[in-house]
Amino acid sequence: MSYVGPDFEPPQPRRPRRGPMTVTLAALVTGALVGWLVWQAAGDPGGPSGAAASSSISPTSPSSGTAASSASRTPSASGTGDENRRSPSPSGTAGRSGPSSAGGAASGPLKGKVVVVDPGHNPGNFQHAADINRKVNIGTNSKECDTTGTSTNAGYTEARFTLDVARRLRTLLQQEGATVKFTQDGDRPWGPCVDERARIGNDAHADAVVSIHADGSAAGNRGFHVILPASVHSGAADTRPITARSRDLGERIAGNFVRATGSAPSNYIGGGTGLDVRSDLGGLNLSTVPKVFIECGNMRDSKDAALLTSGAWREKAARGISEGIVGFLRG
């Protein structure tokens, strides 16, 4: 749109004096216009004006507003980049206990595939200690519903990190045609519990589930590692049908994560493979679909923390995870 300000207004030629006919015509036009506006204000039940006005309004989804407010309640931190960004697709919430989700792209190599992304923890967990400390069944035994997660020494929380990487990952997967569902998108005050996180993936019949985390180990411990489900058959847990597929998913993510981020596999877990197998995580024990966790780095190490708090690096992390998922789903 061009702008014409006072300094650019061209000189106007002197207009001739209006005659009686001109004045009369102007009055008639003005009266007709006023009448039309009054009719429009009253509304035309049989006309399309009401529908057109309604369709021109694009309401903000409830999750969009609450995500920003959840992040703002989190203690200030040194993270950079747009941590509250959303994918272009709208995000909805299927009830308080249901997953946030966003539809896949119209076409792409992953069209028809469902990926559940689980941003570890929740920015509001620290305000709901009683809720997240209650015990839930993880198949083999009982464990806390959830935790607050860790943070860098400067206060950048794991929950903020995981949401940011998850949202970036959603955008990339949607560009490949996948349907992406979230376990939470900052759109609930706390949780969900680990058993519900697993159930969300199961109920979605997900082709792949990735839970995003960052570790809180000692300084000097660096690098990422992908956690795979052990073969567990106890109580409500039976991971035997998913262990092989989950390992394939985890290995592909680990390989692509190295290439995309330049980060090395963990120097304190996994013997340099970047892989770890665990039987004590309810999110894995209760899963009936291929699922892995990824600890993207150690927030308590200053060198790793410098990466985790970089928006540019988080974009690389999301890309590495996305490329691993795409490779897994395409076979």
Protein backbone atom coordinates (compact mmCIF):
# COMPACT_ATOMS: atom_id res chain seq x y z
CA MET A 1 0.00 0.00 0.00
CA SER A 2 1.39 3.37 -0.98
CA TYR A 3 1.23 6.27 1.43
CA VAL A 4 0.40 9.81 0.44
CA GLY A 5 1.09 12.17 3.31
CA PRO A 6 0.76 15.93 3.66
CA ASP A 7 4.13 16.58 2.03
CA PHE A 8 3.19 14.53 -1.01
CA GLU A 9 -0.34 15.79 -1.62
CA PRO A 10 -0.44 17.21 -5.15
CA PRO A 11 -1.95 20.70 -5.58
CA GLN A 12 -5.66 20.53 -6.35
CA PRO A 13 -7.11 22.60 -9.23
CA ARG A 14 -9.77 25.19 -8.37
CA ARG A 15 -13.16 23.56 -8.78
CA PRO A 16 -16.04 25.39 -10.57
CA ARG A 17 -18.95 26.62 -8.53
CA ARG A 18 -21.66 23.96 -8.19
CA GLY A 19 -24.96 24.63 -9.87
CA PRO A 20 -28.43 23.76 -8.50
CA MET A 21 -28.62 20.49 -10.48
CA THR A 22 -25.32 19.27 -9.05
CA VAL A 23 -26.40 20.01 -5.48
CA THR A 24 -29.73 18.21 -5.99
CA LEU A 25 -28.03 15.13 -7.48
CA ALA A 26 -25.55 14.97 -4.61
CA ALA A 27 -28.39 15.09 -2.07
CA LEU A 28 -30.22 12.23 -3.79
CA VAL A 29 -27.08 10.03 -3.86
CA THR A 30 -26.35 10.75 -0.21
CA GLY A 31 -29.91 9.88 0.82
CA ALA A 32 -29.80 6.60 -1.08
CA LEU A 33 -26.50 5.66 0.54
CA VAL A 34 -27.81 6.37 4.04
CA GLY A 35 -30.88 4.24 3.38
CA TRP A 36 -28.74 1.33 2.19
CA LEU A 37 -26.57 1.49 5.30
CA VAL A 38 -29.62 1.44 7.56
CA TRP A 39 -30.94 -1.63 5.73
CA GLN A 40 -27.58 -3.38 6.15
CA ALA A 41 -27.50 -2.60 9.87
CA ALA A 42 -30.96 -4.14 10.30
CA GLY A 43 -29.73 -7.28 8.54
CA ASP A 44 -31.11 -9.29 5.62
CA PRO A 45 -32.22 -12.73 6.89
CA GLY A 46 -32.37 -14.10 3.40
CA GLY A 47 -29.07 -12.72 2.18
CA PRO A 48 -25.44 -13.92 2.52
CA SER A 49 -24.16 -10.92 4.47
CA GLY A 50 -24.35 -12.65 7.87
CA ALA A 51 -22.42 -15.70 6.72
CA ALA A 52 -19.84 -13.62 4.97
CA ALA A 53 -19.21 -11.55 8.05
CA SER A 54 -18.87 -14.68 10.18
CA SER A 55 -16.43 -16.41 7.84
CA SER A 56 -14.21 -13.38 7.70
CA ILE A 57 -13.40 -13.71 11.41
CA SER A 58 -10.54 -16.08 12.24
CA PRO A 59 -10.81 -16.89 15.95
CA THR A 60 -7.70 -17.71 17.95
CA SER A 61 -7.76 -21.25 19.28
CA PRO A 62 -7.86 -21.61 23.09
CA SER A 63 -4.53 -23.44 23.14
CA SER A 64 -2.74 -20.60 21.41
CA GLY A 65 -3.57 -18.14 24.14
CA THR A 66 -2.84 -20.44 27.06
CA ALA A 67 0.47 -21.57 25.68
CA ALA A 68 1.80 -18.06 25.73
CA SER A 69 0.54 -17.46 29.25
CA SER A 70 2.03 -20.72 30.50
CA ALA A 71 5.40 -19.79 29.12
CA SER A 72 5.20 -16.33 30.65
CA ARG A 73 4.65 -17.85 34.10
CA THR A 74 7.85 -19.83 33.81
CA PRO A 75 10.85 -18.23 35.56
CA SER A 76 12.89 -15.98 33.28
CA ALA A 77 15.72 -17.64 31.43
CA SER A 78 18.49 -17.14 28.93
CA GLY A 79 16.81 -19.00 26.07
CA THR A 80 16.88 -17.30 22.69
CA GLY A 81 14.70 -17.67 19.63
CA ASP A 82 10.94 -17.69 19.33
CA GLU A 83 10.07 -20.23 22.00
CA ASN A 84 6.33 -19.80 21.70
CA ARG A 85 6.09 -20.09 17.97
CA ARG A 86 3.43 -22.32 16.50
CA SER A 87 3.18 -24.19 13.29
CA PRO A 88 1.04 -22.54 10.59
CA SER A 89 -1.72 -25.09 11.17
CA PRO A 90 -4.24 -24.40 13.95
CA SER A 91 -3.90 -26.42 17.13
CA GLY A 92 -6.90 -27.69 19.06
CA THR A 93 -7.45 -29.61 22.28
CA ALA A 94 -9.75 -32.59 22.49
CA GLY A 95 -10.90 -31.90 26.05
CA ARG A 96 -8.84 -31.29 29.15
CA SER A 97 -7.37 -34.76 29.20
CA GLY A 98 -7.04 -35.13 25.46
CA PRO A 99 -4.01 -34.38 23.28
CA SER A 100 -3.41 -31.17 21.45
CA SER A 101 -3.27 -31.85 17.75
CA ALA A 102 -2.69 -30.28 14.40
CA GLY A 103 -3.70 -31.77 11.07
CA GLY A 104 -1.16 -32.93 8.55
CA ALA A 105 -0.39 -31.27 5.25
CA ALA A 106 -2.57 -32.06 2.23
CA SER A 107 0.13 -34.19 0.64
CA GLY A 108 3.65 -35.44 1.21
CA PRO A 109 5.56 -38.67 1.79
CA LEU A 110 4.06 -39.05 5.28
CA LYS A 111 0.45 -38.49 4.28
CA GLY A 112 -1.72 -40.86 6.31
CA LYS A 113 0.93 -41.27 9.03
CA VAL A 114 0.26 -40.19 12.62
CA VAL A 115 3.11 -38.96 14.80
CA VAL A 116 2.60 -38.17 18.48
CA VAL A 117 5.07 -35.68 19.94
CA ASP A 118 5.41 -35.63 23.71
CA PRO A 119 7.01 -32.42 25.07
CA GLY A 120 8.48 -33.64 28.36
CA HIS A 121 7.03 -32.12 31.55
CA ASN A 122 4.89 -28.97 31.55
CA PRO A 123 5.78 -25.34 32.32
CA GLY A 124 3.08 -25.29 35.02
CA ASN A 125 4.14 -28.46 36.86
CA PHE A 126 6.11 -26.54 39.48
CA GLN A 127 2.86 -24.89 40.62
CA HIS A 128 1.08 -28.23 41.10
CA ALA A 129 3.34 -30.30 43.35
CA ALA A 130 0.53 -32.34 44.89
CA ASP A 131 -0.85 -33.31 41.48
CA ILE A 132 2.42 -34.35 39.90
CA ASN A 133 3.71 -36.16 43.00
CA ARG A 134 0.81 -38.59 43.23
CA LYS A 135 1.66 -42.15 42.22
CA VAL A 136 0.46 -43.80 39.02
CA ASN A 137 0.84 -47.33 37.73
CA ILE A 138 3.64 -47.66 35.15
CA GLY A 139 3.12 -51.38 34.57
CA THR A 140 6.01 -52.72 36.61
CA ASN A 141 5.36 -50.62 39.71
CA SER A 142 4.13 -47.19 40.78
CA LYS A 143 5.87 -43.90 40.11
CA GLU A 144 5.22 -40.18 40.38
CA CYS A 145 2.73 -38.78 37.87
CA ASP A 146 5.38 -36.42 36.49
CA THR A 147 8.18 -34.10 37.59
CA THR A 148 9.05 -30.46 37.03
CA GLY A 149 12.04 -31.42 34.90
CA THR A 150 15.45 -29.82 35.13
CA SER A 151 16.86 -26.45 34.04
CA THR A 152 20.10 -24.71 33.16
CA ASN A 153 22.02 -22.98 35.93
CA ALA A 154 20.62 -19.69 34.57
CA GLY A 155 17.02 -20.91 34.97
CA TYR A 156 16.04 -21.93 31.43
CA THR A 157 13.67 -24.81 32.11
CA GLU A 158 13.47 -28.18 30.44
CA ALA A 159 9.71 -27.69 30.01
CA ARG A 160 10.25 -24.52 27.95
CA PHE A 161 12.93 -26.26 25.90
CA THR A 162 10.80 -29.29 25.11
CA LEU A 163 7.79 -27.24 24.01
CA ASP A 164 9.91 -25.12 21.70
CA VAL A 165 11.60 -28.10 20.02
CA ALA A 166 8.26 -29.94 19.80
CA ARG A 167 6.59 -27.03 18.00
CA ARG A 168 9.45 -26.75 15.55
CA LEU A 169 9.28 -30.51 15.00
CA ARG A 170 5.53 -30.33 14.35
CA THR A 171 6.07 -27.78 11.57
CA LEU A 172 8.68 -29.96 9.87
CA LEU A 173 6.59 -33.13 10.08
CA GLN A 174 3.49 -31.39 8.77
CA GLN A 175 5.51 -30.23 5.78
CA GLU A 176 6.12 -33.92 5.09
CA GLY A 177 2.38 -34.61 5.19
CA ALA A 178 2.15 -36.21 8.65
CA THR A 179 -0.70 -35.72 11.09
CA VAL A 180 0.89 -34.55 14.35
CA LYS A 181 -0.66 -34.84 17.80
CA PHE A 182 0.74 -33.42 21.05
CA THR A 183 0.37 -34.87 24.54
CA GLN A 184 0.30 -31.25 25.76
CA ASP A 185 0.99 -27.90 24.16
CA GLY A 186 1.18 -25.63 27.20
CA ASP A 187 -2.62 -25.68 27.06
CA ARG A 188 -3.23 -27.32 30.41
CA PRO A 189 -2.09 -26.19 33.88
CA TRP A 190 0.00 -29.30 34.60
CA GLY A 191 0.75 -32.82 33.33
CA PRO A 192 -0.37 -35.04 31.80
CA CYS A 193 0.88 -37.92 33.95
CA VAL A 194 3.24 -40.43 32.38
CA ASP A 195 0.54 -43.09 32.05
CA GLU A 196 -1.73 -40.67 30.21
CA ARG A 197 1.12 -39.63 27.93
CA ALA A 198 1.49 -43.25 26.88
CA ARG A 199 -2.27 -43.66 26.47
CA ILE A 200 -2.47 -40.65 24.14
CA GLY A 201 -0.05 -42.29 21.72
CA ASN A 202 -1.84 -45.63 21.99
CA ASP A 203 -5.31 -44.15 21.43
CA ALA A 204 -4.03 -42.24 18.39
CA HIS A 205 -2.70 -45.53 16.93
CA ALA A 206 0.45 -43.56 16.26
CA ASP A 207 2.97 -44.80 13.74
CA ALA A 208 5.70 -43.25 15.90
CA VAL A 209 5.93 -41.42 19.23
CA VAL A 210 8.86 -39.29 20.39
CA SER A 211 9.16 -37.84 23.88
CA ILE A 212 11.48 -34.81 23.97
CA HIS A 213 13.65 -34.09 27.00
CA ALA A 214 16.92 -32.58 28.20
CA ASP A 215 19.03 -34.14 30.93
CA GLY A 216 20.14 -32.74 34.29
CA SER A 217 23.43 -34.52 34.92
CA ALA A 218 26.72 -33.29 36.36
CA ALA A 219 28.85 -30.63 34.67
CA GLY A 220 31.26 -32.20 32.20
CA ASN A 221 28.72 -34.78 31.10
CA ARG A 222 27.81 -33.83 27.57
CA GLY A 223 25.94 -35.01 24.51
CA PHE A 224 22.57 -36.53 23.64
CA HIS A 225 21.16 -39.99 24.02
CA VAL A 226 18.01 -41.76 22.82
CA ILE A 227 16.20 -43.99 25.32
CA LEU A 228 14.68 -47.22 24.01
CA PRO A 229 12.11 -49.43 25.74
CA ALA A 230 13.44 -52.62 27.32
CA SER A 231 11.52 -55.82 26.80
CA VAL A 232 9.08 -55.65 29.69
CA HIS A 233 6.22 -58.04 30.41
CA SER A 234 4.77 -57.33 33.82
CA GLY A 235 1.38 -56.19 35.02
CA ALA A 236 -0.05 -53.69 32.55
CA ALA A 237 3.23 -53.41 30.68
CA ASP A 238 4.12 -55.48 27.62
CA THR A 239 6.65 -53.86 25.35
CA ARG A 240 7.66 -57.03 23.53
CA PRO A 241 5.68 -56.16 20.37
CA ILE A 242 7.32 -52.72 20.05
CA THR A 243 10.96 -53.14 21.12
CA ALA A 244 12.38 -53.93 17.67
CA ARG A 245 10.48 -51.14 15.90
CA SER A 246 11.32 -48.70 18.68
CA ARG A 247 15.02 -49.51 18.34
CA ASP A 248 14.83 -48.87 14.61
CA LEU A 249 13.16 -45.51 15.29
CA GLY A 250 15.72 -44.62 17.95
CA GLU A 251 18.73 -45.52 15.83
CA ARG A 252 17.47 -43.45 12.93
CA ILE A 253 16.86 -40.45 15.18
CA ALA A 254 20.30 -40.76 16.77
CA GLY A 255 22.08 -40.89 13.41
CA ASN A 256 20.20 -37.92 12.00
CA PHE A 257 20.56 -35.94 15.22
CA VAL A 258 24.35 -36.15 14.94
CA ARG A 259 24.29 -34.98 11.33
CA ALA A 260 21.82 -32.15 11.91
CA THR A 261 23.23 -30.70 15.14
CA GLY A 262 26.89 -31.70 15.12
CA SER A 263 26.45 -32.85 18.72
CA ALA A 264 28.22 -35.99 19.84
CA PRO A 265 26.49 -38.92 21.52
CA SER A 266 26.52 -38.85 25.30
CA ASN A 267 29.91 -39.30 26.99
CA TYR A 268 28.27 -40.61 30.17
CA ILE A 269 25.42 -42.88 29.02
CA GLY A 270 25.28 -45.49 26.27
CA GLY A 271 28.99 -46.19 25.80
CA GLY A 272 29.29 -43.72 22.93
CA THR A 273 26.37 -45.20 20.97
CA GLY A 274 23.89 -42.46 21.86
CA LEU A 275 21.43 -45.21 22.84
CA ASP A 276 20.18 -46.34 26.25
CA VAL A 277 17.67 -49.05 27.16
CA ARG A 278 15.42 -48.59 30.19
CA SER A 279 12.62 -50.48 31.88
CA ASP A 280 11.67 -47.89 34.53
CA LEU A 281 9.87 -45.30 32.40
CA GLY A 282 6.09 -45.50 32.37
CA GLY A 283 5.88 -43.62 29.08
CA LEU A 284 7.74 -46.50 27.42
CA ASN A 285 6.46 -49.43 29.51
CA LEU A 286 2.82 -48.63 28.78
CA SER A 287 3.24 -47.85 25.09
CA THR A 288 1.74 -50.20 22.53
CA VAL A 289 3.19 -48.28 19.57
CA PRO A 290 6.84 -47.57 18.60
CA LYS A 291 8.18 -44.97 21.01
CA VAL A 292 11.47 -43.47 22.17
CA PHE A 293 12.69 -40.67 24.41
CA ILE A 294 15.48 -38.30 23.42
CA GLU A 295 17.62 -36.41 25.93
CA CYS A 296 18.91 -33.66 23.65
CA GLY A 297 21.77 -32.59 25.92
CA ASN A 298 22.75 -31.89 29.51
CA MET A 299 21.29 -28.63 30.81
CA ARG A 300 23.70 -28.58 33.75
CA ASP A 301 26.79 -28.47 31.56
CA SER A 302 27.67 -24.94 30.44
CA LYS A 303 28.70 -25.98 26.92
CA ASP A 304 25.59 -28.05 26.34
CA ALA A 305 23.47 -25.32 27.93
CA ALA A 306 24.81 -22.81 25.41
CA LEU A 307 23.42 -25.04 22.65
CA LEU A 308 20.09 -25.81 24.29
CA THR A 309 19.36 -22.11 24.86
CA SER A 310 20.07 -21.24 21.22
CA GLY A 311 17.04 -20.95 18.97
CA ALA A 312 19.18 -21.78 15.92
CA TRP A 313 20.42 -24.97 17.57
CA ARG A 314 16.91 -25.99 18.65
CA GLU A 315 15.87 -25.72 15.01
CA LYS A 316 18.69 -28.11 14.10
CA ALA A 317 17.62 -30.46 16.88
CA ALA A 318 14.04 -30.50 15.58
CA ARG A 319 15.33 -31.17 12.08
CA GLY A 320 17.46 -34.09 13.22
CA ILE A 321 14.54 -35.68 15.05
CA SER A 322 12.23 -35.05 12.09
CA GLU A 323 14.60 -36.63 9.60
CA GLY A 324 14.93 -39.68 11.83
CA ILE A 325 11.16 -40.06 12.03
CA VAL A 326 10.74 -39.58 8.28
CA GLY A 327 13.39 -42.23 7.58
CA PHE A 328 11.71 -44.63 9.99
CA LEU A 329 8.23 -44.16 8.55
CA ARG A 330 9.36 -44.39 4.95
CA GLY A 331 11.34 -47.56 5.68
